[in-house]
C-alpha atoms as a PDB file:
ATOM      1  CA  MET A   1     186.774 -65.634-105.313  1.00  0.00           C
ATOM      2  CA  ASN A   2     188.595 -62.319-105.211  1.00  0.00           C
ATOM      3  CA  ASP A   3     186.262 -60.160-107.266  1.00  0.00           C
ATOM      4  CA  SER A   4     182.812 -58.816-106.550  1.00  0.00           C
ATOM      5  CA  TYR A   5     180.068 -59.529-109.055  1.00  0.00           C
ATOM      6  CA  LEU A   6     176.322 -59.195-109.494  1.00  0.00           C
ATOM      7  CA  GLU A   7     173.945 -62.088-110.195  1.00  0.00           C
ATOM      8  CA  VAL A   8     170.377 -61.207-111.205  1.00  0.00           C
ATOM      9  CA  THR A   9     167.299 -63.462-111.333  1.00  0.00           C
ATOM     10  CA  PHE A  10     164.663 -62.457-113.891  1.00  0.00           C
ATOM     11  CA  ARG A  11     161.053 -63.503-114.368  1.00  0.00           C
ATOM     12  CA  HIS A  12     159.124 -62.399-117.455  1.00  0.00           C
ATOM     13  CA  GLY A  13     161.946 -59.982-118.319  1.00  0.00           C
ATOM     14  CA  ARG A  14     161.913 -58.220-114.938  1.00  0.00           C
ATOM     15  CA  PRO A  15     164.471 -58.581-112.150  1.00  0.00           C
ATOM     16  CA  ILE A  16     162.876 -60.221-109.107  1.00  0.00           C
ATOM     17  CA  ALA A  17     166.004 -60.650-106.957  1.00  0.00           C
ATOM     18  CA  ALA A  18     169.739 -60.239-107.123  1.00  0.00           C
ATOM     19  CA  TYR A  19     172.860 -61.026-105.150  1.00  0.00           C
ATOM     20  CA  TYR A  20     176.043 -58.982-105.055  1.00  0.00           C
ATOM     21  CA  TYR A  21     178.909 -61.322-104.210  1.00  0.00           C
ATOM     22  CA  LEU A  22     181.726 -59.740-102.215  1.00  0.00           C
ATOM     23  CA  PRO A  23     185.274 -61.158-102.235  1.00  0.00           C
ATOM     24  CA  ARG A  24     185.351 -64.388-100.236  1.00  0.00           C
ATOM     25  CA  ARG A  25     187.064 -67.714 -99.823  1.00  0.00           C
ATOM     26  CA  SER A  26     185.372 -70.727-101.391  1.00  0.00           C
ATOM     27  CA  LYS A  27     184.627 -72.207 -97.953  1.00  0.00           C
ATOM     28  CA  ASP A  28     182.935 -69.042 -96.593  1.00  0.00           C
ATOM     29  CA  ARG A  29     179.243 -69.545 -95.765  1.00  0.00           C
ATOM     30  CA  SER A  30     176.558 -67.217 -94.475  1.00  0.00           C
ATOM     31  CA  HIS A  31     176.106 -67.528 -90.724  1.00  0.00           C
ATOM     32  CA  ARG A  32     174.011 -64.457 -89.966  1.00  0.00           C
ATOM     33  CA  THR A  33     172.287 -61.660 -91.844  1.00  0.00           C
ATOM     34  CA  ARG A  34     171.482 -58.018 -91.234  1.00  0.00           C
ATOM     35  CA  ARG A  35     168.733 -56.052 -92.976  1.00  0.00           C
ATOM     36  CA  VAL A  36     169.756 -52.604 -94.179  1.00  0.00           C
ATOM     37  CA  GLU A  37     168.236 -50.039 -96.493  1.00  0.00           C
ATOM     38  CA  PRO A  38     164.866 -51.082 -97.843  1.00  0.00           C
ATOM     39  CA  GLY A  39     165.283 -54.329 -99.726  1.00  0.00           C
ATOM     40  CA  LEU A  40     168.905 -55.143 -98.855  1.00  0.00           C
ATOM     41  CA  VAL A  41     170.240 -57.927 -96.625  1.00  0.00           C
ATOM     42  CA  ILE A  42     173.947 -58.372 -95.850  1.00  0.00           C
ATOM     43  CA  ASP A  43     175.276 -61.911 -95.338  1.00  0.00           C
ATOM     44  CA  PHE A  44     178.128 -62.401 -92.848  1.00  0.00           C
ATOM     45  CA  THR A  45     180.386 -65.354 -92.058  1.00  0.00           C
ATOM     46  CA  ARG A  46     180.665 -66.772 -88.547  1.00  0.00           C
ATOM     47  CA  ASP A  47     183.590 -64.433 -87.862  1.00  0.00           C
ATOM     48  CA  GLY A  48     181.662 -61.356 -89.076  1.00  0.00           C
ATOM     49  CA  LYS A  49     183.139 -60.921 -92.550  1.00  0.00           C
ATOM     50  CA  PRO A  50     180.588 -59.619 -95.103  1.00  0.00           C
ATOM     51  CA  ILE A  51     180.358 -61.995 -98.065  1.00  0.00           C
ATOM     52  CA  GLY A  52     177.389 -60.728-100.033  1.00  0.00           C
ATOM     53  CA  ILE A  53     174.394 -58.455-100.292  1.00  0.00           C
ATOM     54  CA  GLU A  54     170.968 -59.821-101.139  1.00  0.00           C
ATOM     55  CA  ILE A  55     168.831 -57.440-103.177  1.00  0.00           C
ATOM     56  CA  ILE A  56     165.299 -58.551-102.410  1.00  0.00           C
ATOM     57  CA  ALA A  57     163.517 -55.493-103.823  1.00  0.00           C
ATOM     58  CA  PRO A  58     165.334 -54.598-107.053  1.00  0.00           C
ATOM     59  CA  ASP A  59     162.610 -52.163-108.091  1.00  0.00           C
ATOM     60  CA  LYS A  60     163.308 -50.052-104.990  1.00  0.00           C
ATOM     61  CA  LEU A  61     167.104 -50.096-105.226  1.00  0.00           C
ATOM     62  CA  THR A  62     169.040 -46.898-105.884  1.00  0.00           C
ATOM     63  CA  LEU A  63     172.728 -46.593-106.623  1.00  0.00           C
ATOM     64  CA  ALA A  64     173.095 -44.138-103.720  1.00  0.00           C
ATOM     65  CA  ALA A  65     171.555 -46.576-101.219  1.00  0.00           C
ATOM     66  CA  PHE A  66     173.688 -49.468-102.447  1.00  0.00           C
ATOM     67  CA  ASN A  67     176.844 -47.374-102.304  1.00  0.00           C
ATOM     68  CA  ARG A  68     176.022 -46.297 -98.723  1.00  0.00           C
ATOM     69  CA  VAL A  69     176.035 -49.960 -97.728  1.00  0.00           C
ATOM     70  CA  LEU A  70     179.284 -50.647 -99.587  1.00  0.00           C
ATOM     71  CA  ARG A  71     180.949 -47.661 -97.879  1.00  0.00           C
ATOM     72  CA  GLU A  72     179.735 -48.877 -94.484  1.00  0.00           C
ATOM     73  CA  LEU A  73     181.364 -52.241 -95.224  1.00  0.00           C
ATOM     74  CA  SER A  74     184.584 -50.542 -96.474  1.00  0.00           C
ATOM     75  CA  PHE A  75     184.203 -51.741-100.067  1.00  0.00           C
ATOM     76  CA  PRO A  76     184.631 -49.598-103.199  1.00  0.00           C
ATOM     77  CA  VAL A  77     181.473 -47.950-104.483  1.00  0.00           C
ATOM     78  CA  LEU A  78     179.868 -48.893-107.791  1.00  0.00           C
ATOM     79  CA  LYS A  79     179.144 -46.900-110.922  1.00  0.00           C
ATOM     80  CA  ARG A  80     175.707 -46.841-112.505  1.00  0.00           C
ATOM     81  CA  ALA A  81     176.974 -49.210-115.224  1.00  0.00           C
ATOM     82  CA  ASP A  82     177.810 -51.832-112.577  1.00  0.00           C
ATOM     83  CA  LEU A  83     174.114 -52.119-111.685  1.00  0.00           C
ATOM     84  CA  ALA A  84     172.872 -51.727-115.269  1.00  0.00           C
ATOM     85  CA  PRO A  85     171.530 -55.306-115.564  1.00  0.00           C
ATOM     86  CA  LEU A  86     169.356 -54.674-112.542  1.00  0.00           C
ATOM     87  CA  MET A  87     168.143 -51.259-113.638  1.00  0.00           C
ATOM     88  CA  ALA A  88     167.573 -52.140-117.315  1.00  0.00           C
ATOM     89  CA  ALA A  89     164.258 -53.916-117.072  1.00  0.00           C
END
């Protein structure tokens, strides 16, 4: 998978969790995690490659906080429209 994408889980029309998939190989699996920013958890492979960001508190997420994490990981930042499904409810 070469593209990043957002997957959102809803309950009663409200987002309760989300996962932002980072580019990865199909065999990559999470080996360790690191909590960052309130409500965000980064998943890393055994060799330390970031493969995704868990959004465990969607109601607390800001675009600025998410983009800080992406910059730290050397990934391109998002636009507000990229997180629209999460912010819409």
